[in-house]
Amino acid sequence: MSEEGLELAGEGLREVCEALKPPPVWDFGICMCIARIVTAAEFLAEKLGIDLPDLPVVASAPQWLEEQTLGDAAFALDCGFLLHVYPDPFVSGSELRTNS
């Protein structure tokens, strides 16, 4: 969440941060709050003249506690963002399905 982290960023994220000067990682609070993430991403995409899914955005819920987070996660995927959710949601399926 600082400019020092830019040296660890991938090429695409580094290009965006060098062009617009935001830090490479942002904290949007204790839940994913997808509305704030999308608002910020739309602003950046507009400034760069690119489509929203072309931004190097990852929405993360590293310790989700309520089902609303899974809905937010689905919306993040719909926006074209990469997604990190942990622990694995209990909707992953049976062992027969996940091990095939």
PDB file of N, CA and C in Angstrom:
ATOM      1  N   MET A   1       0.818  -1.188   0.000  1.00  0.00           N
ATOM      2  CA  MET A   1       0.000   0.000   0.000  1.00  0.00           C
ATOM      3  C   MET A   1       0.868   1.261   0.000  1.00  0.00           C
ATOM      4  N   SER A   2       2.088   1.125  -0.501  1.00  0.00           N
ATOM      5  CA  SER A   2       2.986   2.275  -0.592  1.00  0.00           C
ATOM      6  C   SER A   2       3.711   2.229  -1.935  1.00  0.00           C
ATOM      7  N   GLU A   3       4.304   3.335  -2.291  1.00  0.00           N
ATOM      8  CA  GLU A   3       5.027   3.390  -3.562  1.00  0.00           C
ATOM      9  C   GLU A   3       6.230   2.458  -3.574  1.00  0.00           C
ATOM     10  N   GLU A   4       6.769   2.116  -2.399  1.00  0.00           N
ATOM     11  CA  GLU A   4       7.899   1.202  -2.343  1.00  0.00           C
ATOM     12  C   GLU A   4       7.523  -0.180  -2.884  1.00  0.00           C
ATOM     13  N   GLY A   5       6.257  -0.544  -2.758  1.00  0.00           N
ATOM     14  CA  GLY A   5       5.789  -1.831  -3.260  1.00  0.00           C
ATOM     15  C   GLY A   5       5.806  -1.917  -4.771  1.00  0.00           C
ATOM     16  N   LEU A   6       5.954  -0.802  -5.437  1.00  0.00           N
ATOM     17  CA  LEU A   6       5.943  -0.768  -6.897  1.00  0.00           C
ATOM     18  C   LEU A   6       7.066  -1.610  -7.491  1.00  0.00           C
ATOM     19  N   GLU A   7       8.193  -1.701  -6.803  1.00  0.00           N
ATOM     20  CA  GLU A   7       9.312  -2.492  -7.330  1.00  0.00           C
ATOM     21  C   GLU A   7       8.996  -3.982  -7.343  1.00  0.00           C
ATOM     22  N   LEU A   8       7.985  -4.413  -6.591  1.00  0.00           N
ATOM     23  CA  LEU A   8       7.589  -5.813  -6.558  1.00  0.00           C
ATOM     24  C   LEU A   8       6.428  -6.113  -7.514  1.00  0.00           C
ATOM     25  N   ALA A   9       5.868  -5.076  -8.109  1.00  0.00           N
ATOM     26  CA  ALA A   9       4.697  -5.222  -8.970  1.00  0.00           C
ATOM     27  C   ALA A   9       5.083  -5.774 -10.333  1.00  0.00           C
ATOM     28  N   GLY A  10       4.133  -6.443 -10.959  1.00  0.00           N
ATOM     29  CA  GLY A  10       4.331  -6.917 -12.323  1.00  0.00           C
ATOM     30  C   GLY A  10       4.348  -5.764 -13.302  1.00  0.00           C
ATOM     31  N   GLU A  11       4.732  -6.066 -14.526  1.00  0.00           N
ATOM     32  CA  GLU A  11       4.907  -5.025 -15.537  1.00  0.00           C
ATOM     33  C   GLU A  11       3.636  -4.210 -15.799  1.00  0.00           C
ATOM     34  N   GLY A  12       2.485  -4.896 -15.952  1.00  0.00           N
ATOM     35  CA  GLY A  12       1.240  -4.174 -16.240  1.00  0.00           C
ATOM     36  C   GLY A  12       0.828  -3.254 -15.116  1.00  0.00           C
ATOM     37  N   LEU A  13       0.885  -3.756 -13.886  1.00  0.00           N
ATOM     38  CA  LEU A  13       0.533  -2.931 -12.731  1.00  0.00           C
ATOM     39  C   LEU A  13       1.518  -1.783 -12.579  1.00  0.00           C
ATOM     40  N   ARG A  14       2.781  -2.044 -12.799  1.00  0.00           N
ATOM     41  CA  ARG A  14       3.798  -0.991 -12.690  1.00  0.00           C
ATOM     42  C   ARG A  14       3.519   0.127 -13.697  1.00  0.00           C
ATOM     43  N   GLU A  15       3.138  -0.225 -14.926  1.00  0.00           N
ATOM     44  CA  GLU A  15       2.826   0.781 -15.951  1.00  0.00           C
ATOM     45  C   GLU A  15       1.669   1.677 -15.510  1.00  0.00           C
ATOM     46  N   VAL A  16       0.608   1.065 -14.969  1.00  0.00           N
ATOM     47  CA  VAL A  16      -0.543   1.848 -14.506  1.00  0.00           C
ATOM     48  C   VAL A  16      -0.124   2.783 -13.380  1.00  0.00           C
ATOM     49  N   CYS A  17       0.622   2.274 -12.421  1.00  0.00           N
ATOM     50  CA  CYS A  17       1.021   3.077 -11.263  1.00  0.00           C
ATOM     51  C   CYS A  17       1.992   4.192 -11.651  1.00  0.00           C
ATOM     52  N   GLU A  18       2.876   3.928 -12.584  1.00  0.00           N
ATOM     53  CA  GLU A  18       3.792   4.978 -13.026  1.00  0.00           C
ATOM     54  C   GLU A  18       3.051   6.066 -13.791  1.00  0.00           C
ATOM     55  N   ALA A  19       2.011   5.685 -14.533  1.00  0.00           N
ATOM     56  CA  ALA A  19       1.257   6.662 -15.314  1.00  0.00           C
ATOM     57  C   ALA A  19       0.359   7.536 -14.440  1.00  0.00           C
ATOM     58  N   LEU A  20      -0.298   6.938 -13.443  1.00  0.00           N
ATOM     59  CA  LEU A  20      -1.300   7.671 -12.662  1.00  0.00           C
ATOM     60  C   LEU A  20      -0.893   7.943 -11.219  1.00  0.00           C
ATOM     61  N   LYS A  21       0.202   7.362 -10.758  1.00  0.00           N
ATOM     62  CA  LYS A  21       0.784   7.590  -9.430  1.00  0.00           C
ATOM     63  C   LYS A  21       0.014   7.031  -8.234  1.00  0.00           C
ATOM     64  N   PRO A  22      -0.855   6.034  -8.393  1.00  0.00           N
ATOM     65  CA  PRO A  22      -1.453   5.429  -7.194  1.00  0.00           C
ATOM     66  C   PRO A  22      -0.503   4.368  -6.643  1.00  0.00           C
ATOM     67  N   PRO A  23      -0.651   3.991  -5.375  1.00  0.00           N
ATOM     68  CA  PRO A  23       0.140   2.867  -4.868  1.00  0.00           C
ATOM     69  C   PRO A  23      -0.358   1.567  -5.523  1.00  0.00           C
ATOM     70  N   PRO A  24       0.472   0.519  -5.562  1.00  0.00           N
ATOM     71  CA  PRO A  24       0.074  -0.711  -6.244  1.00  0.00           C
ATOM     72  C   PRO A  24      -0.979  -1.538  -5.504  1.00  0.00           C
ATOM     73  N   VAL A  25      -1.137  -1.347  -4.204  1.00  0.00           N
ATOM     74  CA  VAL A  25      -2.119  -2.095  -3.423  1.00  0.00           C
ATOM     75  C   VAL A  25      -2.958  -1.104  -2.626  1.00  0.00           C
ATOM     76  N   TRP A  26      -4.275  -1.300  -2.647  1.00  0.00           N
ATOM     77  CA  TRP A  26      -5.194  -0.432  -1.887  1.00  0.00           C
ATOM     78  C   TRP A  26      -5.995  -1.292  -0.929  1.00  0.00           C
ATOM     79  N   ASP A  27      -6.307  -0.742   0.229  1.00  0.00           N
ATOM     80  CA  ASP A  27      -7.144  -1.421   1.217  1.00  0.00           C
ATOM     81  C   ASP A  27      -8.512  -0.751   1.207  1.00  0.00           C
ATOM     82  N   PHE A  28      -9.551  -1.559   0.953  1.00  0.00           N
ATOM     83  CA  PHE A  28     -10.909  -1.026   0.900  1.00  0.00           C
ATOM     84  C   PHE A  28     -11.732  -1.407   2.122  1.00  0.00           C
ATOM     85  N   GLY A  29     -11.093  -1.772   3.200  1.00  0.00           N
ATOM     86  CA  GLY A  29     -11.817  -2.053   4.428  1.00  0.00           C
ATOM     87  C   GLY A  29     -11.907  -3.527   4.749  1.00  0.00           C
ATOM     88  N   ILE A  30     -12.740  -3.841   5.750  1.00  0.00           N
ATOM     89  CA  ILE A  30     -12.775  -5.200   6.264  1.00  0.00           C
ATOM     90  C   ILE A  30     -13.510  -6.187   5.355  1.00  0.00           C
ATOM     91  N   CYS A  31     -14.347  -5.706   4.456  1.00  0.00           N
ATOM     92  CA  CYS A  31     -14.944  -6.603   3.460  1.00  0.00           C
ATOM     93  C   CYS A  31     -14.484  -6.131   2.088  1.00  0.00           C
ATOM     94  N   MET A  32     -14.773  -6.894   1.067  1.00  0.00           N
ATOM     95  CA  MET A  32     -14.282  -6.512  -0.262  1.00  0.00           C
ATOM     96  C   MET A  32     -14.857  -5.193  -0.737  1.00  0.00           C
ATOM     97  N   CYS A  33     -16.070  -4.875  -0.332  1.00  0.00           N
ATOM     98  CA  CYS A  33     -16.755  -3.646  -0.755  1.00  0.00           C
ATOM     99  C   CYS A  33     -16.560  -3.400  -2.255  1.00  0.00           C
ATOM    100  N   ILE A  34     -17.116  -4.275  -3.036  1.00  0.00           N
ATOM    101  CA  ILE A  34     -16.914  -4.282  -4.476  1.00  0.00           C
ATOM    102  C   ILE A  34     -17.301  -2.961  -5.137  1.00  0.00           C
ATOM    103  N   ALA A  35     -18.280  -2.244  -4.588  1.00  0.00           N
ATOM    104  CA  ALA A  35     -18.684  -0.969  -5.195  1.00  0.00           C
ATOM    105  C   ALA A  35     -17.529   0.022  -5.188  1.00  0.00           C
ATOM    106  N   ARG A  36     -16.784   0.084  -4.100  1.00  0.00           N
ATOM    107  CA  ARG A  36     -15.644   1.010  -4.036  1.00  0.00           C
ATOM    108  C   ARG A  36     -14.523   0.562  -4.959  1.00  0.00           C
ATOM    109  N   ILE A  37     -14.302  -0.734  -5.043  1.00  0.00           N
ATOM    110  CA  ILE A  37     -13.256  -1.242  -5.926  1.00  0.00           C
ATOM    111  C   ILE A  37     -13.604  -0.918  -7.384  1.00  0.00           C
ATOM    112  N   VAL A  38     -14.844  -1.173  -7.779  1.00  0.00           N
ATOM    113  CA  VAL A  38     -15.258  -0.921  -9.159  1.00  0.00           C
ATOM    114  C   VAL A  38     -15.217   0.565  -9.476  1.00  0.00           C
ATOM    115  N   THR A  39     -15.639   1.414  -8.547  1.00  0.00           N
ATOM    116  CA  THR A  39     -15.599   2.860  -8.780  1.00  0.00           C
ATOM    117  C   THR A  39     -14.171   3.325  -9.036  1.00  0.00           C
ATOM    118  N   ALA A  40     -13.240   2.886  -8.207  1.00  0.00           N
ATOM    119  CA  ALA A  40     -11.838   3.263  -8.398  1.00  0.00           C
ATOM    120  C   ALA A  40     -11.293   2.700  -9.709  1.00  0.00           C
ATOM    121  N   ALA A  41     -11.613   1.444 -10.011  1.00  0.00           N
ATOM    122  CA  ALA A  41     -11.129   0.822 -11.234  1.00  0.00           C
ATOM    123  C   ALA A  41     -11.700   1.504 -12.477  1.00  0.00           C
ATOM    124  N   GLU A  42     -12.977   1.868 -12.447  1.00  0.00           N
ATOM    125  CA  GLU A  42     -13.577   2.571 -13.586  1.00  0.00           C
ATOM    126  C   GLU A  42     -12.882   3.908 -13.828  1.00  0.00           C
ATOM    127  N   PHE A  43     -12.561   4.615 -12.755  1.00  0.00           N
ATOM    128  CA  PHE A  43     -11.852   5.889 -12.870  1.00  0.00           C
ATOM    129  C   PHE A  43     -10.489   5.678 -13.538  1.00  0.00           C
ATOM    130  N   LEU A  44      -9.741   4.687 -13.060  1.00  0.00           N
ATOM    131  CA  LEU A  44      -8.422   4.420 -13.631  1.00  0.00           C
ATOM    132  C   LEU A  44      -8.516   3.990 -15.091  1.00  0.00           C
ATOM    133  N   ALA A  45      -9.470   3.108 -15.403  1.00  0.00           N
ATOM    134  CA  ALA A  45      -9.633   2.644 -16.779  1.00  0.00           C
ATOM    135  C   ALA A  45      -9.972   3.807 -17.713  1.00  0.00           C
ATOM    136  N   GLU A  46     -10.841   4.702 -17.245  1.00  0.00           N
ATOM    137  CA  GLU A  46     -11.206   5.861 -18.061  1.00  0.00           C
ATOM    138  C   GLU A  46      -9.995   6.754 -18.306  1.00  0.00           C
ATOM    139  N   LYS A  47      -9.204   7.001 -17.261  1.00  0.00           N
ATOM    140  CA  LYS A  47      -8.015   7.847 -17.403  1.00  0.00           C
ATOM    141  C   LYS A  47      -6.990   7.227 -18.357  1.00  0.00           C
ATOM    142  N   LEU A  48      -6.897   5.918 -18.356  1.00  0.00           N
ATOM    143  CA  LEU A  48      -5.944   5.228 -19.228  1.00  0.00           C
ATOM    144  C   LEU A  48      -6.507   4.930 -20.613  1.00  0.00           C
ATOM    145  N   GLY A  49      -7.829   5.111 -20.780  1.00  0.00           N
ATOM    146  CA  GLY A  49      -8.460   4.842 -22.066  1.00  0.00           C
ATOM    147  C   GLY A  49      -8.514   3.363 -22.407  1.00  0.00           C
ATOM    148  N   ILE A  50      -8.741   2.521 -21.381  1.00  0.00           N
ATOM    149  CA  ILE A  50      -8.814   1.076 -21.603  1.00  0.00           C
ATOM    150  C   ILE A  50     -10.106   0.522 -21.005  1.00  0.00           C
ATOM    151  N   ASP A  51     -10.429  -0.712 -21.349  1.00  0.00           N
ATOM    152  CA  ASP A  51     -11.606  -1.370 -20.798  1.00  0.00           C
ATOM    153  C   ASP A  51     -11.316  -1.862 -19.383  1.00  0.00           C
ATOM    154  N   LEU A  52     -12.337  -1.905 -18.565  1.00  0.00           N
ATOM    155  CA  LEU A  52     -12.202  -2.312 -17.170  1.00  0.00           C
ATOM    156  C   LEU A  52     -11.488  -3.658 -16.995  1.00  0.00           C
ATOM    157  N   PRO A  53     -11.830  -4.709 -17.753  1.00  0.00           N
ATOM    158  CA  PRO A  53     -11.143  -5.996 -17.560  1.00  0.00           C
ATOM    159  C   PRO A  53      -9.658  -5.968 -17.938  1.00  0.00           C
ATOM    160  N   ASP A  54      -9.210  -4.923 -18.636  1.00  0.00           N
ATOM    161  CA  ASP A  54      -7.809  -4.832 -19.035  1.00  0.00           C
ATOM    162  C   ASP A  54      -6.916  -4.279 -17.926  1.00  0.00           C
ATOM    163  N   LEU A  55      -7.520  -3.792 -16.844  1.00  0.00           N
ATOM    164  CA  LEU A  55      -6.730  -3.317 -15.705  1.00  0.00           C
ATOM    165  C   LEU A  55      -6.190  -4.499 -14.903  1.00  0.00           C
ATOM    166  N   PRO A  56      -5.008  -4.369 -14.325  1.00  0.00           N
ATOM    167  CA  PRO A  56      -4.456  -5.436 -13.485  1.00  0.00           C
ATOM    168  C   PRO A  56      -5.041  -5.363 -12.073  1.00  0.00           C
ATOM    169  N   VAL A  57      -6.328  -5.708 -11.930  1.00  0.00           N
ATOM    170  CA  VAL A  57      -7.023  -5.617 -10.645  1.00  0.00           C
ATOM    171  C   VAL A  57      -7.251  -7.010 -10.072  1.00  0.00           C
ATOM    172  N   VAL A  58      -6.954  -7.163  -8.800  1.00  0.00           N
ATOM    173  CA  VAL A  58      -7.265  -8.389  -8.071  1.00  0.00           C
ATOM    174  C   VAL A  58      -8.106  -8.004  -6.872  1.00  0.00           C
ATOM    175  N   ALA A  59      -9.301  -8.552  -6.778  1.00  0.00           N
ATOM    176  CA  ALA A  59     -10.148  -8.361  -5.594  1.00  0.00           C
ATOM    177  C   ALA A  59      -9.829  -9.513  -4.642  1.00  0.00           C
ATOM    178  N   SER A  60      -9.627  -9.188  -3.366  1.00  0.00           N
ATOM    179  CA  SER A  60      -9.219 -10.223  -2.412  1.00  0.00           C
ATOM    180  C   SER A  60     -10.057 -10.157  -1.151  1.00  0.00           C
ATOM    181  N   ALA A  61     -10.507 -11.312  -0.706  1.00  0.00           N
ATOM    182  CA  ALA A  61     -11.172 -11.469   0.589  1.00  0.00           C
ATOM    183  C   ALA A  61     -10.387 -12.547   1.330  1.00  0.00           C
ATOM    184  N   PRO A  62      -9.295 -12.153   2.025  1.00  0.00           N
ATOM    185  CA  PRO A  62      -8.395 -13.145   2.613  1.00  0.00           C
ATOM    186  C   PRO A  62      -8.952 -13.869   3.830  1.00  0.00           C
ATOM    187  N   GLN A  63     -10.068 -13.399   4.363  1.00  0.00           N
ATOM    188  CA  GLN A  63     -10.677 -14.083   5.513  1.00  0.00           C
ATOM    189  C   GLN A  63     -12.167 -13.755   5.544  1.00  0.00           C
ATOM    190  N   TRP A  64     -12.885 -14.219   4.532  1.00  0.00           N
ATOM    191  CA  TRP A  64     -14.295 -13.854   4.417  1.00  0.00           C
ATOM    192  C   TRP A  64     -15.107 -14.526   5.525  1.00  0.00           C
ATOM    193  N   LEU A  65     -16.157 -13.826   5.951  1.00  0.00           N
ATOM    194  CA  LEU A  65     -16.972 -14.309   7.068  1.00  0.00           C
ATOM    195  C   LEU A  65     -18.457 -14.410   6.744  1.00  0.00           C
ATOM    196  N   GLU A  66     -18.913 -13.741   5.714  1.00  0.00           N
ATOM    197  CA  GLU A  66     -20.343 -13.780   5.408  1.00  0.00           C
ATOM    198  C   GLU A  66     -20.573 -14.045   3.924  1.00  0.00           C
ATOM    199  N   GLU A  67     -21.753 -14.560   3.639  1.00  0.00           N
ATOM    200  CA  GLU A  67     -22.089 -14.947   2.273  1.00  0.00           C
ATOM    201  C   GLU A  67     -22.103 -13.761   1.318  1.00  0.00           C
ATOM    202  N   GLN A  68     -22.327 -12.557   1.821  1.00  0.00           N
ATOM    203  CA  GLN A  68     -22.319 -11.367   0.963  1.00  0.00           C
ATOM    204  C   GLN A  68     -20.985 -11.254   0.228  1.00  0.00           C
ATOM    205  N   THR A  69     -19.923 -11.660   0.876  1.00  0.00           N
ATOM    206  CA  THR A  69     -18.601 -11.603   0.246  1.00  0.00           C
ATOM    207  C   THR A  69     -18.564 -12.460  -1.010  1.00  0.00           C
ATOM    208  N   LEU A  70     -19.228 -13.607  -0.981  1.00  0.00           N
ATOM    209  CA  LEU A  70     -19.240 -14.470  -2.160  1.00  0.00           C
ATOM    210  C   LEU A  70     -20.012 -13.828  -3.308  1.00  0.00           C
ATOM    211  N   GLY A  71     -21.072 -13.088  -2.979  1.00  0.00           N
ATOM    212  CA  GLY A  71     -21.786 -12.327  -4.008  1.00  0.00           C
ATOM    213  C   GLY A  71     -20.903 -11.242  -4.592  1.00  0.00           C
ATOM    214  N   ASP A  72     -20.175 -10.532  -3.726  1.00  0.00           N
ATOM    215  CA  ASP A  72     -19.230  -9.515  -4.185  1.00  0.00           C
ATOM    216  C   ASP A  72     -18.151 -10.151  -5.060  1.00  0.00           C
ATOM    217  N   ALA A  73     -17.701 -11.337  -4.666  1.00  0.00           N
ATOM    218  CA  ALA A  73     -16.677 -12.042  -5.435  1.00  0.00           C
ATOM    219  C   ALA A  73     -17.184 -12.378  -6.837  1.00  0.00           C
ATOM    220  N   ALA A  74     -18.423 -12.824  -6.932  1.00  0.00           N
ATOM    221  CA  ALA A  74     -19.008 -13.139  -8.240  1.00  0.00           C
ATOM    222  C   ALA A  74     -19.077 -11.880  -9.109  1.00  0.00           C
ATOM    223  N   PHE A  75     -19.424 -10.747  -8.495  1.00  0.00           N
ATOM    224  CA  PHE A  75     -19.481  -9.487  -9.242  1.00  0.00           C
ATOM    225  C   PHE A  75     -18.080  -9.074  -9.698  1.00  0.00           C
ATOM    226  N   ALA A  76     -17.066  -9.273  -8.844  1.00  0.00           N
ATOM    227  CA  ALA A  76     -15.687  -8.955  -9.230  1.00  0.00           C
ATOM    228  C   ALA A  76     -15.276  -9.772 -10.457  1.00  0.00           C
ATOM    229  N   LEU A  77     -15.628 -11.051 -10.462  1.00  0.00           N
ATOM    230  CA  LEU A  77     -15.329 -11.889 -11.623  1.00  0.00           C
ATOM    231  C   LEU A  77     -16.050 -11.386 -12.867  1.00  0.00           C
ATOM    232  N   ASP A  78     -17.305 -10.950 -12.689  1.00  0.00           N
ATOM    233  CA  ASP A  78     -18.089 -10.428 -13.800  1.00  0.00           C
ATOM    234  C   ASP A  78     -17.468  -9.159 -14.382  1.00  0.00           C
ATOM    235  N   CYS A  79     -16.780  -8.394 -13.540  1.00  0.00           N
ATOM    236  CA  CYS A  79     -16.100  -7.178 -14.000  1.00  0.00           C
ATOM    237  C   CYS A  79     -14.785  -7.490 -14.709  1.00  0.00           C
ATOM    238  N   GLY A  80     -14.369  -8.751 -14.652  1.00  0.00           N
ATOM    239  CA  GLY A  80     -13.132  -9.147 -15.304  1.00  0.00           C
ATOM    240  C   GLY A  80     -11.918  -9.092 -14.397  1.00  0.00           C
ATOM    241  N   PHE A  81     -12.134  -8.955 -13.091  1.00  0.00           N
ATOM    242  CA  PHE A  81     -11.019  -8.905 -12.152  1.00  0.00           C
ATOM    243  C   PHE A  81     -10.561 -10.309 -11.792  1.00  0.00           C
ATOM    244  N   LEU A  82      -9.297 -10.433 -11.446  1.00  0.00           N
ATOM    245  CA  LEU A  82      -8.827 -11.660 -10.830  1.00  0.00           C
ATOM    246  C   LEU A  82      -9.381 -11.691  -9.415  1.00  0.00           C
ATOM    247  N   LEU A  83      -9.449 -12.873  -8.818  1.00  0.00           N
ATOM    248  CA  LEU A  83     -10.103 -12.981  -7.512  1.00  0.00           C
ATOM    249  C   LEU A  83      -9.331 -13.900  -6.588  1.00  0.00           C
ATOM    250  N   HIS A  84      -9.244 -13.493  -5.346  1.00  0.00           N
ATOM    251  CA  HIS A  84      -8.665 -14.317  -4.282  1.00  0.00           C
ATOM    252  C   HIS A  84      -9.673 -14.358  -3.143  1.00  0.00           C
ATOM    253  N   VAL A  85     -10.111 -15.546  -2.763  1.00  0.00           N
ATOM    254  CA  VAL A  85     -11.028 -15.736  -1.634  1.00  0.00           C
ATOM    255  C   VAL A  85     -10.476 -16.862  -0.771  1.00  0.00           C
ATOM    256  N   TYR A  86     -10.358 -16.603   0.532  1.00  0.00           N
ATOM    257  CA  TYR A  86      -9.890 -17.627   1.463  1.00  0.00           C
ATOM    258  C   TYR A  86     -10.628 -17.478   2.779  1.00  0.00           C
ATOM    259  N   PRO A  87     -11.003 -18.530   3.436  1.00  0.00           N
ATOM    260  CA  PRO A  87     -10.847 -19.925   3.019  1.00  0.00           C
ATOM    261  C   PRO A  87     -11.757 -20.252   1.849  1.00  0.00           C
ATOM    262  N   ASP A  88     -11.488 -21.380   1.220  1.00  0.00           N
ATOM    263  CA  ASP A  88     -12.300 -21.782   0.077  1.00  0.00           C
ATOM    264  C   ASP A  88     -13.769 -21.784   0.462  1.00  0.00           C
ATOM    265  N   PRO A  89     -14.621 -21.203  -0.391  1.00  0.00           N
ATOM    266  CA  PRO A  89     -16.061 -21.243  -0.112  1.00  0.00           C
ATOM    267  C   PRO A  89     -16.560 -22.683  -0.049  1.00  0.00           C
ATOM    268  N   PHE A  90     -17.587 -22.902   0.747  1.00  0.00           N
ATOM    269  CA  PHE A  90     -18.138 -24.248   0.902  1.00  0.00           C
ATOM    270  C   PHE A  90     -19.047 -24.622  -0.261  1.00  0.00           C
ATOM    271  N   VAL A  91     -18.957 -23.914  -1.356  1.00  0.00           N
ATOM    272  CA  VAL A  91     -19.740 -24.214  -2.549  1.00  0.00           C
ATOM    273  C   VAL A  91     -18.891 -24.885  -3.620  1.00  0.00           C
ATOM    274  N   SER A  92     -17.714 -25.370  -3.236  1.00  0.00           N
ATOM    275  CA  SER A  92     -16.784 -25.901  -4.230  1.00  0.00           C
ATOM    276  C   SER A  92     -17.218 -27.248  -4.802  1.00  0.00           C
ATOM    277  N   GLY A  93     -18.043 -28.005  -4.116  1.00  0.00           N
ATOM    278  CA  GLY A  93     -18.537 -29.263  -4.667  1.00  0.00           C
ATOM    279  C   GLY A  93     -18.033 -30.479  -3.929  1.00  0.00           C
ATOM    280  N   SER A  94     -18.441 -31.610  -4.426  1.00  0.00           N
ATOM    281  CA  SER A  94     -18.072 -32.881  -3.803  1.00  0.00           C
ATOM    282  C   SER A  94     -16.630 -33.245  -4.140  1.00  0.00           C
ATOM    283  N   GLU A  95     -16.064 -34.189  -3.376  1.00  0.00           N
ATOM    284  CA  GLU A  95     -14.719 -34.649  -3.678  1.00  0.00           C
ATOM    285  C   GLU A  95     -14.635 -35.255  -5.068  1.00  0.00           C
ATOM    286  N   LEU A  96     -15.696 -35.938  -5.485  1.00  0.00           N
ATOM    287  CA  LEU A  96     -15.730 -36.522  -6.828  1.00  0.00           C
ATOM    288  C   LEU A  96     -15.550 -35.427  -7.873  1.00  0.00           C
ATOM    289  N   ARG A  97     -16.181 -34.298  -7.668  1.00  0.00           N
ATOM    290  CA  ARG A  97     -16.096 -33.191  -8.642  1.00  0.00           C
ATOM    291  C   ARG A  97     -14.766 -32.456  -8.548  1.00  0.00           C
ATOM    292  N   THR A  98     -14.301 -32.145  -7.356  1.00  0.00           N
ATOM    293  CA  THR A  98     -13.085 -31.346  -7.208  1.00  0.00           C
ATOM    294  C   THR A  98     -11.810 -32.125  -7.483  1.00  0.00           C
ATOM    295  N   ASN A  99     -11.862 -33.453  -7.424  1.00  0.00           N
ATOM    296  CA  ASN A  99     -10.682 -34.266  -7.687  1.00  0.00           C
ATOM    297  C   ASN A  99     -10.629 -34.803  -9.114  1.00  0.00           C
ATOM    298  N   SER A 100     -11.581 -34.415  -9.942  1.00  0.00           N
ATOM    299  CA  SER A 100     -11.578 -34.921 -11.321  1.00  0.00           C
ATOM    300  C   SER A 100     -10.911 -33.959 -12.271  1.00  0.00           C
TER     301      SER A 100
END
